[in-house]
Structures are given as structure tokens and as C-alpha cells.
Amino acid sequence: MVDDKNGIMLTEEQQRRRRSRSVALAVCLGILVVLFYLVTMVKGPGVLNRPL
């Protein structure tokens, strides 16, 4: 694969590793979002009704 921006050639192995890293990051981000949501629900929706 040629990156048009700076002309870098990636081998099939590098492309596969890049894809797997992207999937791993997406999964971690999704887990973090779910974790924050669950913590908010456990603390109760009243945590959102606080004075500023």
C-alpha cells in the first residue's frame, strides 16, 4: 500500500498490525464509555442534578 501523503509503502504484515491496533483501540474506547455509563448509573441519576 502506498500512502499518497508521504509515499510510504506498507507490507501486508504492517497493514494487518495497523488494523489490529485500530480494532484494539476501538474496543478499549468502547469499554471505557460503557464503564463510565455504568458508574454513572450506579451512583444514580441524581449525580447529574448538583448545584454548579
PDB file of N, CA and C in Angstrom:
ATOM      1  N   MET A   1       0.844  -1.183   0.000  1.00  0.00           N
ATOM      2  CA  MET A   1       0.000   0.000   0.000  1.00  0.00           C
ATOM      3  C   MET A   1       0.886   1.241   0.000  1.00  0.00           C
ATOM      4  N   VAL A   2       0.545   2.220  -0.805  1.00  0.00           N
ATOM      5  CA  VAL A   2       1.290   3.462  -0.863  1.00  0.00           C
ATOM      6  C   VAL A   2       0.462   4.561  -0.222  1.00  0.00           C
ATOM      7  N   ASP A   3       1.044   5.234   0.743  1.00  0.00           N
ATOM      8  CA  ASP A   3       0.396   6.373   1.376  1.00  0.00           C
ATOM      9  C   ASP A   3       0.688   7.585   0.501  1.00  0.00           C
ATOM     10  N   ASP A   4      -0.347   8.181  -0.100  1.00  0.00           N
ATOM     11  CA  ASP A   4      -0.157   9.290  -1.031  1.00  0.00           C
ATOM     12  C   ASP A   4       0.482  10.499  -0.368  1.00  0.00           C
ATOM     13  N   LYS A   5       0.281  10.639   0.928  1.00  0.00           N
ATOM     14  CA  LYS A   5       0.767  11.820   1.619  1.00  0.00           C
ATOM     15  C   LYS A   5       2.297  11.888   1.621  1.00  0.00           C
ATOM     16  N   ASN A   6       2.958  10.797   2.017  1.00  0.00           N
ATOM     17  CA  ASN A   6       4.418  10.822   2.058  1.00  0.00           C
ATOM     18  C   ASN A   6       5.057   9.617   1.371  1.00  0.00           C
ATOM     19  N   GLY A   7       4.315   8.884   0.586  1.00  0.00           N
ATOM     20  CA  GLY A   7       4.877   7.819  -0.237  1.00  0.00           C
ATOM     21  C   GLY A   7       5.425   6.629   0.523  1.00  0.00           C
ATOM     22  N   ILE A   8       4.845   6.283   1.658  1.00  0.00           N
ATOM     23  CA  ILE A   8       5.333   5.159   2.451  1.00  0.00           C
ATOM     24  C   ILE A   8       4.676   3.880   1.966  1.00  0.00           C
ATOM     25  N   MET A   9       5.481   2.858   1.762  1.00  0.00           N
ATOM     26  CA  MET A   9       4.966   1.548   1.364  1.00  0.00           C
ATOM     27  C   MET A   9       4.798   0.684   2.609  1.00  0.00           C
ATOM     28  N   LEU A  10       3.612   0.141   2.796  1.00  0.00           N
ATOM     29  CA  LEU A  10       3.351  -0.759   3.919  1.00  0.00           C
ATOM     30  C   LEU A  10       3.243  -2.177   3.402  1.00  0.00           C
ATOM     31  N   THR A  11       3.880  -3.096   4.121  1.00  0.00           N
ATOM     32  CA  THR A  11       3.757  -4.500   3.759  1.00  0.00           C
ATOM     33  C   THR A  11       2.410  -5.018   4.258  1.00  0.00           C
ATOM     34  N   GLU A  12       2.049  -6.210   3.806  1.00  0.00           N
ATOM     35  CA  GLU A  12       0.796  -6.822   4.258  1.00  0.00           C
ATOM     36  C   GLU A  12       0.814  -7.019   5.775  1.00  0.00           C
ATOM     37  N   GLU A  13       1.961  -7.396   6.318  1.00  0.00           N
ATOM     38  CA  GLU A  13       2.090  -7.592   7.764  1.00  0.00           C
ATOM     39  C   GLU A  13       1.862  -6.284   8.511  1.00  0.00           C
ATOM     40  N   GLN A  14       2.407  -5.183   8.012  1.00  0.00           N
ATOM     41  CA  GLN A  14       2.218  -3.879   8.660  1.00  0.00           C
ATOM     42  C   GLN A  14       0.766  -3.436   8.580  1.00  0.00           C
ATOM     43  N   GLN A  15       0.125  -3.680   7.449  1.00  0.00           N
ATOM     44  CA  GLN A  15      -1.293  -3.332   7.311  1.00  0.00           C
ATOM     45  C   GLN A  15      -2.135  -4.131   8.297  1.00  0.00           C
ATOM     46  N   ARG A  16      -1.820  -5.422   8.438  1.00  0.00           N
ATOM     47  CA  ARG A  16      -2.565  -6.284   9.355  1.00  0.00           C
ATOM     48  C   ARG A  16      -2.381  -5.808  10.790  1.00  0.00           C
ATOM     49  N   ARG A  17      -1.148  -5.451  11.156  1.00  0.00           N
ATOM     50  CA  ARG A  17      -0.895  -4.964  12.514  1.00  0.00           C
ATOM     51  C   ARG A  17      -1.587  -3.630  12.769  1.00  0.00           C
ATOM     52  N   ARG A  18      -1.597  -2.760  11.778  1.00  0.00           N
ATOM     53  CA  ARG A  18      -2.273  -1.468  11.927  1.00  0.00           C
ATOM     54  C   ARG A  18      -3.765  -1.683  12.154  1.00  0.00           C
ATOM     55  N   ARG A  19      -4.360  -2.583  11.366  1.00  0.00           N
ATOM     56  CA  ARG A  19      -5.783  -2.886  11.532  1.00  0.00           C
ATOM     57  C   ARG A  19      -6.066  -3.440  12.920  1.00  0.00           C
ATOM     58  N   SER A  20      -5.228  -4.363  13.391  1.00  0.00           N
ATOM     59  CA  SER A  20      -5.471  -4.972  14.698  1.00  0.00           C
ATOM     60  C   SER A  20      -5.306  -3.941  15.817  1.00  0.00           C
ATOM     61  N   ARG A  21      -4.359  -3.009  15.677  1.00  0.00           N
ATOM     62  CA  ARG A  21      -4.222  -1.942  16.671  1.00  0.00           C
ATOM     63  C   ARG A  21      -5.452  -1.042  16.681  1.00  0.00           C
ATOM     64  N   SER A  22      -5.960  -0.733  15.489  1.00  0.00           N
ATOM     65  CA  SER A  22      -7.147   0.121  15.401  1.00  0.00           C
ATOM     66  C   SER A  22      -8.348  -0.550  16.064  1.00  0.00           C
ATOM     67  N   VAL A  23      -8.507  -1.836  15.828  1.00  0.00           N
ATOM     68  CA  VAL A  23      -9.623  -2.565  16.436  1.00  0.00           C
ATOM     69  C   VAL A  23      -9.450  -2.606  17.950  1.00  0.00           C
ATOM     70  N   ALA A  24      -8.225  -2.842  18.423  1.00  0.00           N
ATOM     71  CA  ALA A  24      -7.978  -2.900  19.864  1.00  0.00           C
ATOM     72  C   ALA A  24      -8.277  -1.549  20.517  1.00  0.00           C
ATOM     73  N   LEU A  25      -7.873  -0.460  19.887  1.00  0.00           N
ATOM     74  CA  LEU A  25      -8.168   0.870  20.432  1.00  0.00           C
ATOM     75  C   LEU A  25      -9.665   1.146  20.458  1.00  0.00           C
ATOM     76  N   ALA A  26     -10.362   0.746  19.417  1.00  0.00           N
ATOM     77  CA  ALA A  26     -11.806   0.955  19.366  1.00  0.00           C
ATOM     78  C   ALA A  26     -12.508   0.163  20.465  1.00  0.00           C
ATOM     79  N   VAL A  27     -12.074  -1.067  20.684  1.00  0.00           N
ATOM     80  CA  VAL A  27     -12.673  -1.895  21.739  1.00  0.00           C
ATOM     81  C   VAL A  27     -12.409  -1.277  23.109  1.00  0.00           C
ATOM     82  N   CYS A  28     -11.183  -0.830  23.345  1.00  0.00           N
ATOM     83  CA  CYS A  28     -10.848  -0.200  24.635  1.00  0.00           C
ATOM     84  C   CYS A  28     -11.680   1.062  24.854  1.00  0.00           C
ATOM     85  N   LEU A  29     -11.831   1.871  23.828  1.00  0.00           N
ATOM     86  CA  LEU A  29     -12.636   3.082  23.952  1.00  0.00           C
ATOM     87  C   LEU A  29     -14.096   2.738  24.246  1.00  0.00           C
ATOM     88  N   GLY A  30     -14.623   1.732  23.573  1.00  0.00           N
ATOM     89  CA  GLY A  30     -15.995   1.300  23.821  1.00  0.00           C
ATOM     90  C   GLY A  30     -16.187   0.804  25.244  1.00  0.00           C
ATOM     91  N   ILE A  31     -15.221   0.045  25.756  1.00  0.00           N
ATOM     92  CA  ILE A  31     -15.301  -0.452  27.128  1.00  0.00           C
ATOM     93  C   ILE A  31     -15.263   0.712  28.115  1.00  0.00           C
ATOM     94  N   LEU A  32     -14.424   1.697  27.847  1.00  0.00           N
ATOM     95  CA  LEU A  32     -14.331   2.861  28.720  1.00  0.00           C
ATOM     96  C   LEU A  32     -15.646   3.637  28.754  1.00  0.00           C
ATOM     97  N   VAL A  33     -16.281   3.802  27.605  1.00  0.00           N
ATOM     98  CA  VAL A  33     -17.565   4.503  27.545  1.00  0.00           C
ATOM     99  C   VAL A  33     -18.619   3.741  28.344  1.00  0.00           C
ATOM    100  N   VAL A  34     -18.668   2.431  28.178  1.00  0.00           N
ATOM    101  CA  VAL A  34     -19.641   1.618  28.916  1.00  0.00           C
ATOM    102  C   VAL A  34     -19.353   1.685  30.413  1.00  0.00           C
ATOM    103  N   LEU A  35     -18.081   1.662  30.788  1.00  0.00           N
ATOM    104  CA  LEU A  35     -17.715   1.737  32.202  1.00  0.00           C
ATOM    105  C   LEU A  35     -18.165   3.060  32.813  1.00  0.00           C
ATOM    106  N   PHE A  36     -17.916   4.177  32.124  1.00  0.00           N
ATOM    107  CA  PHE A  36     -18.369   5.484  32.632  1.00  0.00           C
ATOM    108  C   PHE A  36     -19.893   5.518  32.756  1.00  0.00           C
ATOM    109  N   TYR A  37     -20.590   4.962  31.782  1.00  0.00           N
ATOM    110  CA  TYR A  37     -22.045   4.929  31.819  1.00  0.00           C
ATOM    111  C   TYR A  37     -22.528   4.126  33.033  1.00  0.00           C
ATOM    112  N   LEU A  38     -21.929   2.946  33.245  1.00  0.00           N
ATOM    113  CA  LEU A  38     -22.346   2.101  34.363  1.00  0.00           C
ATOM    114  C   LEU A  38     -22.057   2.762  35.710  1.00  0.00           C
ATOM    115  N   VAL A  39     -20.912   3.407  35.837  1.00  0.00           N
ATOM    116  CA  VAL A  39     -20.586   4.090  37.094  1.00  0.00           C
ATOM    117  C   VAL A  39     -21.589   5.203  37.354  1.00  0.00           C
ATOM    118  N   THR A  40     -21.958   5.930  36.321  1.00  0.00           N
ATOM    119  CA  THR A  40     -22.946   6.994  36.476  1.00  0.00           C
ATOM    120  C   THR A  40     -24.291   6.423  36.918  1.00  0.00           C
ATOM    121  N   MET A  41     -24.693   5.295  36.348  1.00  0.00           N
ATOM    122  CA  MET A  41     -25.976   4.690  36.724  1.00  0.00           C
ATOM    123  C   MET A  41     -25.929   4.130  38.146  1.00  0.00           C
ATOM    124  N   VAL A  42     -24.790   3.586  38.559  1.00  0.00           N
ATOM    125  CA  VAL A  42     -24.671   3.042  39.911  1.00  0.00           C
ATOM    126  C   VAL A  42     -24.735   4.168  40.935  1.00  0.00           C
ATOM    127  N   LYS A  43     -24.088   5.281  40.647  1.00  0.00           N
ATOM    128  CA  LYS A  43     -24.139   6.427  41.561  1.00  0.00           C
ATOM    129  C   LYS A  43     -25.532   7.038  41.582  1.00  0.00           C
ATOM    130  N   GLY A  44     -26.286   6.785  40.562  1.00  0.00           N
ATOM    131  CA  GLY A  44     -27.652   7.284  40.489  1.00  0.00           C
ATOM    132  C   GLY A  44     -27.757   8.481  39.581  1.00  0.00           C
ATOM    133  N   PRO A  45     -28.911   8.627  38.953  1.00  0.00           N
ATOM    134  CA  PRO A  45     -29.103   9.767  38.053  1.00  0.00           C
ATOM    135  C   PRO A  45     -29.057  11.097  38.797  1.00  0.00           C
ATOM    136  N   GLY A  46     -29.211  11.086  40.132  1.00  0.00           N
ATOM    137  CA  GLY A  46     -29.176  12.315  40.910  1.00  0.00           C
ATOM    138  C   GLY A  46     -27.819  12.975  40.879  1.00  0.00           C
ATOM    139  N   VAL A  47     -26.782  12.242  40.498  1.00  0.00           N
ATOM    140  CA  VAL A  47     -25.441  12.823  40.433  1.00  0.00           C
ATOM    141  C   VAL A  47     -25.392  13.943  39.386  1.00  0.00           C
ATOM    142  N   LEU A  48     -26.324  13.934  38.470  1.00  0.00           N
ATOM    143  CA  LEU A  48     -26.357  14.952  37.422  1.00  0.00           C
ATOM    144  C   LEU A  48     -27.079  16.220  37.881  1.00  0.00           C
ATOM    145  N   ASN A  49     -27.836  16.139  38.982  1.00  0.00           N
ATOM    146  CA  ASN A  49     -28.607  17.280  39.485  1.00  0.00           C
ATOM    147  C   ASN A  49     -27.902  17.924  40.670  1.00  0.00           C
ATOM    148  N   ARG A  50     -26.713  18.407  40.467  1.00  0.00           N
ATOM    149  CA  ARG A  50     -25.958  19.041  41.535  1.00  0.00           C
ATOM    150  C   ARG A  50     -25.834  20.527  41.258  1.00  0.00           C
ATOM    151  N   PRO A  51     -25.666  21.309  42.274  1.00  0.00           N
ATOM    152  CA  PRO A  51     -25.500  22.754  42.039  1.00  0.00           C
ATOM    153  C   PRO A  51     -24.153  23.046  41.386  1.00  0.00           C
ATOM    154  N   LEU A  52     -24.165  24.011  40.506  1.00  0.00           N
ATOM    155  CA  LEU A  52     -22.916  24.391  39.844  1.00  0.00           C
ATOM    156  C   LEU A  52     -22.344  25.499  40.599  1.00  0.00           C
TER     157      LEU A  52
END
